Amino acid sequence: MNSKQISYLRGLAHNLNPVVMISNKGLSEAVMKEINVNLDAHELIKIKVMSDDRALRGQMLVDICQQTNALAVHQIGKQLVVYRASTKPKIVVPQK
C-alpha cells in the first residue's frame, strides 16, 4: 500500500474504539484468535496494549501482522491499528 492509502486507513481508524486489549501477559493464542476474528469482522481494528515497554509494543505489532497477514497502519502510544482486507471488502481503499 502507498502512503495515501495508509493515511486514508489511519483517518478511518481515528474514531474507532479498541476491540482487543493485550494485557501485560502478552500475545497468547487466545488473543491472536480474537484479533483474527475481529479482522474478519471489521477489516480495520484498533488494539490497546497495556505494556509500558515501547520496544515490546513495536514487536507485538510486527508479530501480529506476521501471524495474521495484516498491514500495520499506525502505532501511537499504547494503540495499534491493523488492517486486513476481507474476501468481501467493507472498506474501499482508494487506488491512488
N, C-alpha and C. Protein backbone atom coordinates (compact mmCIF):
# COMPACT_ATOMS: atom_id res chain seq x y z
N MET A 1 0.84 -1.19 0.00
CA MET A 1 0.00 0.00 0.00
C MET A 1 0.88 1.24 0.00
N ASN A 2 0.39 2.27 -0.64
CA ASN A 2 1.16 3.51 -0.66
C ASN A 2 0.77 4.40 0.53
N SER A 3 1.47 5.49 0.68
CA SER A 3 1.28 6.36 1.85
C SER A 3 -0.12 6.99 1.88
N LYS A 4 -0.69 7.28 0.71
CA LYS A 4 -2.03 7.88 0.68
C LYS A 4 -3.08 6.88 1.17
N GLN A 5 -2.93 5.61 0.81
CA GLN A 5 -3.87 4.59 1.24
C GLN A 5 -3.76 4.36 2.75
N ILE A 6 -2.53 4.32 3.25
CA ILE A 6 -2.33 4.14 4.69
C ILE A 6 -2.88 5.34 5.44
N SER A 7 -2.67 6.52 4.91
CA SER A 7 -3.21 7.73 5.53
C SER A 7 -4.74 7.69 5.58
N TYR A 8 -5.36 7.19 4.52
CA TYR A 8 -6.81 7.05 4.47
C TYR A 8 -7.29 6.10 5.57
N LEU A 9 -6.61 4.96 5.71
CA LEU A 9 -6.98 4.00 6.75
C LEU A 9 -6.77 4.57 8.14
N ARG A 10 -5.70 5.33 8.32
CA ARG A 10 -5.45 5.96 9.62
C ARG A 10 -6.57 6.92 9.98
N GLY A 11 -7.06 7.64 8.98
CA GLY A 11 -8.19 8.55 9.20
C GLY A 11 -9.45 7.81 9.61
N LEU A 12 -9.70 6.66 8.97
CA LEU A 12 -10.87 5.86 9.34
C LEU A 12 -10.74 5.31 10.76
N ALA A 13 -9.52 4.97 11.15
CA ALA A 13 -9.29 4.36 12.46
C ALA A 13 -9.38 5.36 13.60
N HIS A 14 -9.31 6.63 13.28
CA HIS A 14 -9.30 7.67 14.32
C HIS A 14 -10.49 7.55 15.27
N ASN A 15 -11.66 7.28 14.76
CA ASN A 15 -12.87 7.23 15.58
C ASN A 15 -13.17 5.84 16.16
N LEU A 16 -12.34 4.86 15.85
CA LEU A 16 -12.58 3.51 16.35
C LEU A 16 -12.19 3.38 17.81
N ASN A 17 -12.88 2.50 18.50
CA ASN A 17 -12.51 2.12 19.86
C ASN A 17 -11.75 0.81 19.78
N PRO A 18 -10.82 0.57 20.71
CA PRO A 18 -10.10 -0.70 20.69
C PRO A 18 -11.05 -1.88 20.88
N VAL A 19 -10.88 -2.90 20.04
CA VAL A 19 -11.73 -4.09 20.13
C VAL A 19 -10.99 -5.24 20.81
N VAL A 20 -9.67 -5.13 20.90
CA VAL A 20 -8.86 -6.15 21.57
C VAL A 20 -7.92 -5.44 22.51
N MET A 21 -7.78 -6.00 23.71
CA MET A 21 -6.83 -5.46 24.68
C MET A 21 -5.82 -6.55 25.01
N ILE A 22 -4.54 -6.19 24.97
CA ILE A 22 -3.48 -7.13 25.29
C ILE A 22 -2.94 -6.77 26.66
N SER A 23 -3.05 -7.69 27.58
CA SER A 23 -2.59 -7.43 28.96
C SER A 23 -1.07 -7.55 29.04
N ASN A 24 -0.55 -7.40 30.24
CA ASN A 24 0.88 -7.49 30.46
C ASN A 24 1.41 -8.90 30.22
N LYS A 25 0.52 -9.88 30.07
CA LYS A 25 0.95 -11.25 29.80
C LYS A 25 1.36 -11.43 28.35
N GLY A 26 1.04 -10.49 27.49
CA GLY A 26 1.49 -10.52 26.10
C GLY A 26 0.53 -11.22 25.16
N LEU A 27 1.08 -11.58 23.99
CA LEU A 27 0.29 -12.21 22.94
C LEU A 27 0.12 -13.69 23.22
N SER A 28 -1.07 -14.08 23.54
CA SER A 28 -1.36 -15.50 23.75
C SER A 28 -2.12 -16.02 22.54
N GLU A 29 -2.34 -17.31 22.52
CA GLU A 29 -3.09 -17.91 21.43
C GLU A 29 -4.52 -17.37 21.39
N ALA A 30 -5.11 -17.18 22.55
CA ALA A 30 -6.47 -16.66 22.64
C ALA A 30 -6.56 -15.23 22.11
N VAL A 31 -5.55 -14.42 22.42
CA VAL A 31 -5.54 -13.04 21.93
C VAL A 31 -5.41 -13.02 20.41
N MET A 32 -4.53 -13.86 19.87
CA MET A 32 -4.36 -13.92 18.42
C MET A 32 -5.65 -14.38 17.74
N LYS A 33 -6.35 -15.32 18.36
CA LYS A 33 -7.63 -15.79 17.80
C LYS A 33 -8.63 -14.64 17.78
N GLU A 34 -8.68 -13.87 18.86
CA GLU A 34 -9.60 -12.73 18.95
C GLU A 34 -9.26 -11.67 17.91
N ILE A 35 -7.98 -11.43 17.69
CA ILE A 35 -7.55 -10.47 16.67
C ILE A 35 -8.00 -10.94 15.29
N ASN A 36 -7.81 -12.23 15.00
CA ASN A 36 -8.24 -12.78 13.71
C ASN A 36 -9.74 -12.66 13.51
N VAL A 37 -10.50 -12.97 14.55
CA VAL A 37 -11.97 -12.87 14.47
C VAL A 37 -12.39 -11.44 14.17
N ASN A 38 -11.78 -10.49 14.86
CA ASN A 38 -12.14 -9.09 14.66
C ASN A 38 -11.68 -8.56 13.30
N LEU A 39 -10.52 -9.02 12.82
CA LEU A 39 -10.09 -8.61 11.48
C LEU A 39 -11.05 -9.15 10.42
N ASP A 40 -11.52 -10.37 10.61
CA ASP A 40 -12.51 -10.92 9.67
C ASP A 40 -13.80 -10.12 9.69
N ALA A 41 -14.20 -9.69 10.86
CA ALA A 41 -15.47 -8.97 11.00
C ALA A 41 -15.38 -7.51 10.58
N HIS A 42 -14.26 -6.84 10.89
CA HIS A 42 -14.19 -5.39 10.71
C HIS A 42 -13.15 -4.91 9.70
N GLU A 43 -12.17 -5.70 9.36
CA GLU A 43 -11.05 -5.37 8.48
C GLU A 43 -10.05 -4.39 9.11
N LEU A 44 -10.51 -3.35 9.71
CA LEU A 44 -9.65 -2.34 10.34
C LEU A 44 -9.96 -2.32 11.83
N ILE A 45 -8.95 -2.64 12.65
CA ILE A 45 -9.19 -2.68 14.09
C ILE A 45 -8.12 -1.92 14.85
N LYS A 46 -8.52 -1.51 16.03
CA LYS A 46 -7.61 -0.84 16.96
C LYS A 46 -7.39 -1.78 18.14
N ILE A 47 -6.13 -1.91 18.54
CA ILE A 47 -5.74 -2.81 19.63
C ILE A 47 -5.06 -1.97 20.70
N LYS A 48 -5.43 -2.20 21.94
CA LYS A 48 -4.81 -1.50 23.07
C LYS A 48 -3.86 -2.46 23.78
N VAL A 49 -2.62 -2.02 23.99
CA VAL A 49 -1.60 -2.82 24.67
C VAL A 49 -1.34 -2.18 26.02
N MET A 50 -1.42 -2.99 27.07
CA MET A 50 -1.24 -2.46 28.43
C MET A 50 0.22 -2.31 28.86
N SER A 51 1.13 -2.90 28.12
CA SER A 51 2.55 -2.87 28.49
C SER A 51 3.13 -1.47 28.37
N ASP A 52 4.04 -1.13 29.29
CA ASP A 52 4.72 0.17 29.25
C ASP A 52 5.99 0.14 28.40
N ASP A 53 6.41 -1.03 27.96
CA ASP A 53 7.64 -1.20 27.20
C ASP A 53 7.40 -0.87 25.72
N ARG A 54 7.99 0.24 25.27
CA ARG A 54 7.77 0.71 23.89
C ARG A 54 8.28 -0.29 22.86
N ALA A 55 9.45 -0.86 23.10
CA ALA A 55 10.02 -1.83 22.16
C ALA A 55 9.15 -3.08 22.07
N LEU A 56 8.62 -3.51 23.20
CA LEU A 56 7.76 -4.68 23.23
C LEU A 56 6.47 -4.44 22.44
N ARG A 57 5.91 -3.25 22.56
CA ARG A 57 4.70 -2.91 21.79
C ARG A 57 4.99 -2.93 20.30
N GLY A 58 6.13 -2.41 19.90
CA GLY A 58 6.52 -2.43 18.49
C GLY A 58 6.69 -3.85 17.98
N GLN A 59 7.29 -4.70 18.79
CA GLN A 59 7.48 -6.10 18.41
C GLN A 59 6.14 -6.82 18.33
N MET A 60 5.21 -6.49 19.24
CA MET A 60 3.87 -7.09 19.18
C MET A 60 3.18 -6.74 17.87
N LEU A 61 3.31 -5.50 17.42
CA LEU A 61 2.70 -5.08 16.17
C LEU A 61 3.27 -5.89 15.01
N VAL A 62 4.58 -6.08 14.99
CA VAL A 62 5.22 -6.87 13.94
C VAL A 62 4.72 -8.31 13.99
N ASP A 63 4.67 -8.89 15.20
CA ASP A 63 4.22 -10.27 15.36
C ASP A 63 2.77 -10.45 14.93
N ILE A 64 1.92 -9.51 15.32
CA ILE A 64 0.50 -9.58 14.94
C ILE A 64 0.37 -9.56 13.42
N CYS A 65 1.09 -8.65 12.78
CA CYS A 65 0.99 -8.52 11.32
C CYS A 65 1.50 -9.78 10.61
N GLN A 66 2.57 -10.36 11.12
CA GLN A 66 3.11 -11.57 10.50
C GLN A 66 2.16 -12.75 10.67
N GLN A 67 1.60 -12.91 11.85
CA GLN A 67 0.77 -14.07 12.13
C GLN A 67 -0.63 -13.97 11.51
N THR A 68 -1.09 -12.77 11.23
CA THR A 68 -2.44 -12.60 10.69
C THR A 68 -2.45 -12.13 9.23
N ASN A 69 -1.27 -11.93 8.65
CA ASN A 69 -1.17 -11.39 7.28
C ASN A 69 -1.86 -10.04 7.17
N ALA A 70 -1.72 -9.24 8.20
CA ALA A 70 -2.34 -7.92 8.23
C ALA A 70 -1.30 -6.85 7.94
N LEU A 71 -1.76 -5.64 7.75
CA LEU A 71 -0.90 -4.50 7.48
C LEU A 71 -0.90 -3.58 8.70
N ALA A 72 0.28 -3.19 9.15
CA ALA A 72 0.39 -2.24 10.25
C ALA A 72 0.06 -0.85 9.70
N VAL A 73 -1.02 -0.27 10.19
CA VAL A 73 -1.46 1.03 9.71
C VAL A 73 -0.86 2.15 10.56
N HIS A 74 -0.87 1.95 11.89
CA HIS A 74 -0.44 3.02 12.77
C HIS A 74 -0.13 2.49 14.16
N GLN A 75 0.81 3.14 14.81
CA GLN A 75 1.09 2.85 16.22
C GLN A 75 1.36 4.18 16.89
N ILE A 76 0.55 4.47 17.89
CA ILE A 76 0.78 5.68 18.67
C ILE A 76 0.53 5.34 20.13
N GLY A 77 1.53 5.51 20.93
CA GLY A 77 1.43 5.16 22.34
C GLY A 77 1.11 3.70 22.50
N LYS A 78 0.04 3.42 23.23
CA LYS A 78 -0.35 2.04 23.51
C LYS A 78 -1.41 1.52 22.54
N GLN A 79 -1.66 2.26 21.46
CA GLN A 79 -2.69 1.87 20.50
C GLN A 79 -2.03 1.41 19.19
N LEU A 80 -2.48 0.26 18.72
CA LEU A 80 -2.02 -0.29 17.45
C LEU A 80 -3.21 -0.35 16.51
N VAL A 81 -2.99 -0.04 15.24
CA VAL A 81 -4.05 -0.14 14.25
C VAL A 81 -3.57 -1.07 13.14
N VAL A 82 -4.37 -2.10 12.85
CA VAL A 82 -4.01 -3.05 11.80
C VAL A 82 -5.19 -3.21 10.84
N TYR A 83 -4.85 -3.56 9.59
CA TYR A 83 -5.84 -3.72 8.53
C TYR A 83 -5.56 -5.00 7.77
N ARG A 84 -6.61 -5.73 7.47
CA ARG A 84 -6.51 -6.89 6.59
C ARG A 84 -7.78 -6.91 5.74
N ALA A 85 -7.59 -6.86 4.44
CA ALA A 85 -8.74 -6.87 3.52
C ALA A 85 -9.47 -8.19 3.62
N SER A 86 -10.76 -8.13 3.56
CA SER A 86 -11.61 -9.31 3.63
C SER A 86 -11.91 -9.81 2.22
N THR A 87 -12.44 -11.02 2.13
CA THR A 87 -12.84 -11.53 0.82
C THR A 87 -14.03 -10.74 0.27
N LYS A 88 -14.85 -10.22 1.18
CA LYS A 88 -15.95 -9.33 0.82
C LYS A 88 -15.65 -7.97 1.48
N PRO A 89 -14.87 -7.11 0.82
CA PRO A 89 -14.42 -5.86 1.46
C PRO A 89 -15.56 -4.96 1.92
N LYS A 90 -15.41 -4.43 3.13
CA LYS A 90 -16.34 -3.45 3.67
C LYS A 90 -15.76 -2.04 3.52
N ILE A 91 -14.43 -1.98 3.50
CA ILE A 91 -13.73 -0.71 3.37
C ILE A 91 -13.17 -0.64 1.96
N VAL A 92 -13.52 0.42 1.25
CA VAL A 92 -12.99 0.63 -0.09
C VAL A 92 -11.80 1.57 0.02
N VAL A 93 -10.63 1.02 -0.20
CA VAL A 93 -9.40 1.82 -0.12
C VAL A 93 -9.16 2.44 -1.48
N PRO A 94 -8.95 3.77 -1.52
CA PRO A 94 -8.71 4.43 -2.82
C PRO A 94 -7.47 3.84 -3.50
N GLN A 95 -7.53 3.72 -4.82
CA GLN A 95 -6.42 3.11 -5.55
C GLN A 95 -5.23 4.03 -5.68
N LYS A 96 -5.47 5.34 -5.70
CA LYS A 96 -4.34 6.29 -5.83
C LYS A 96 -4.47 7.43 -4.89
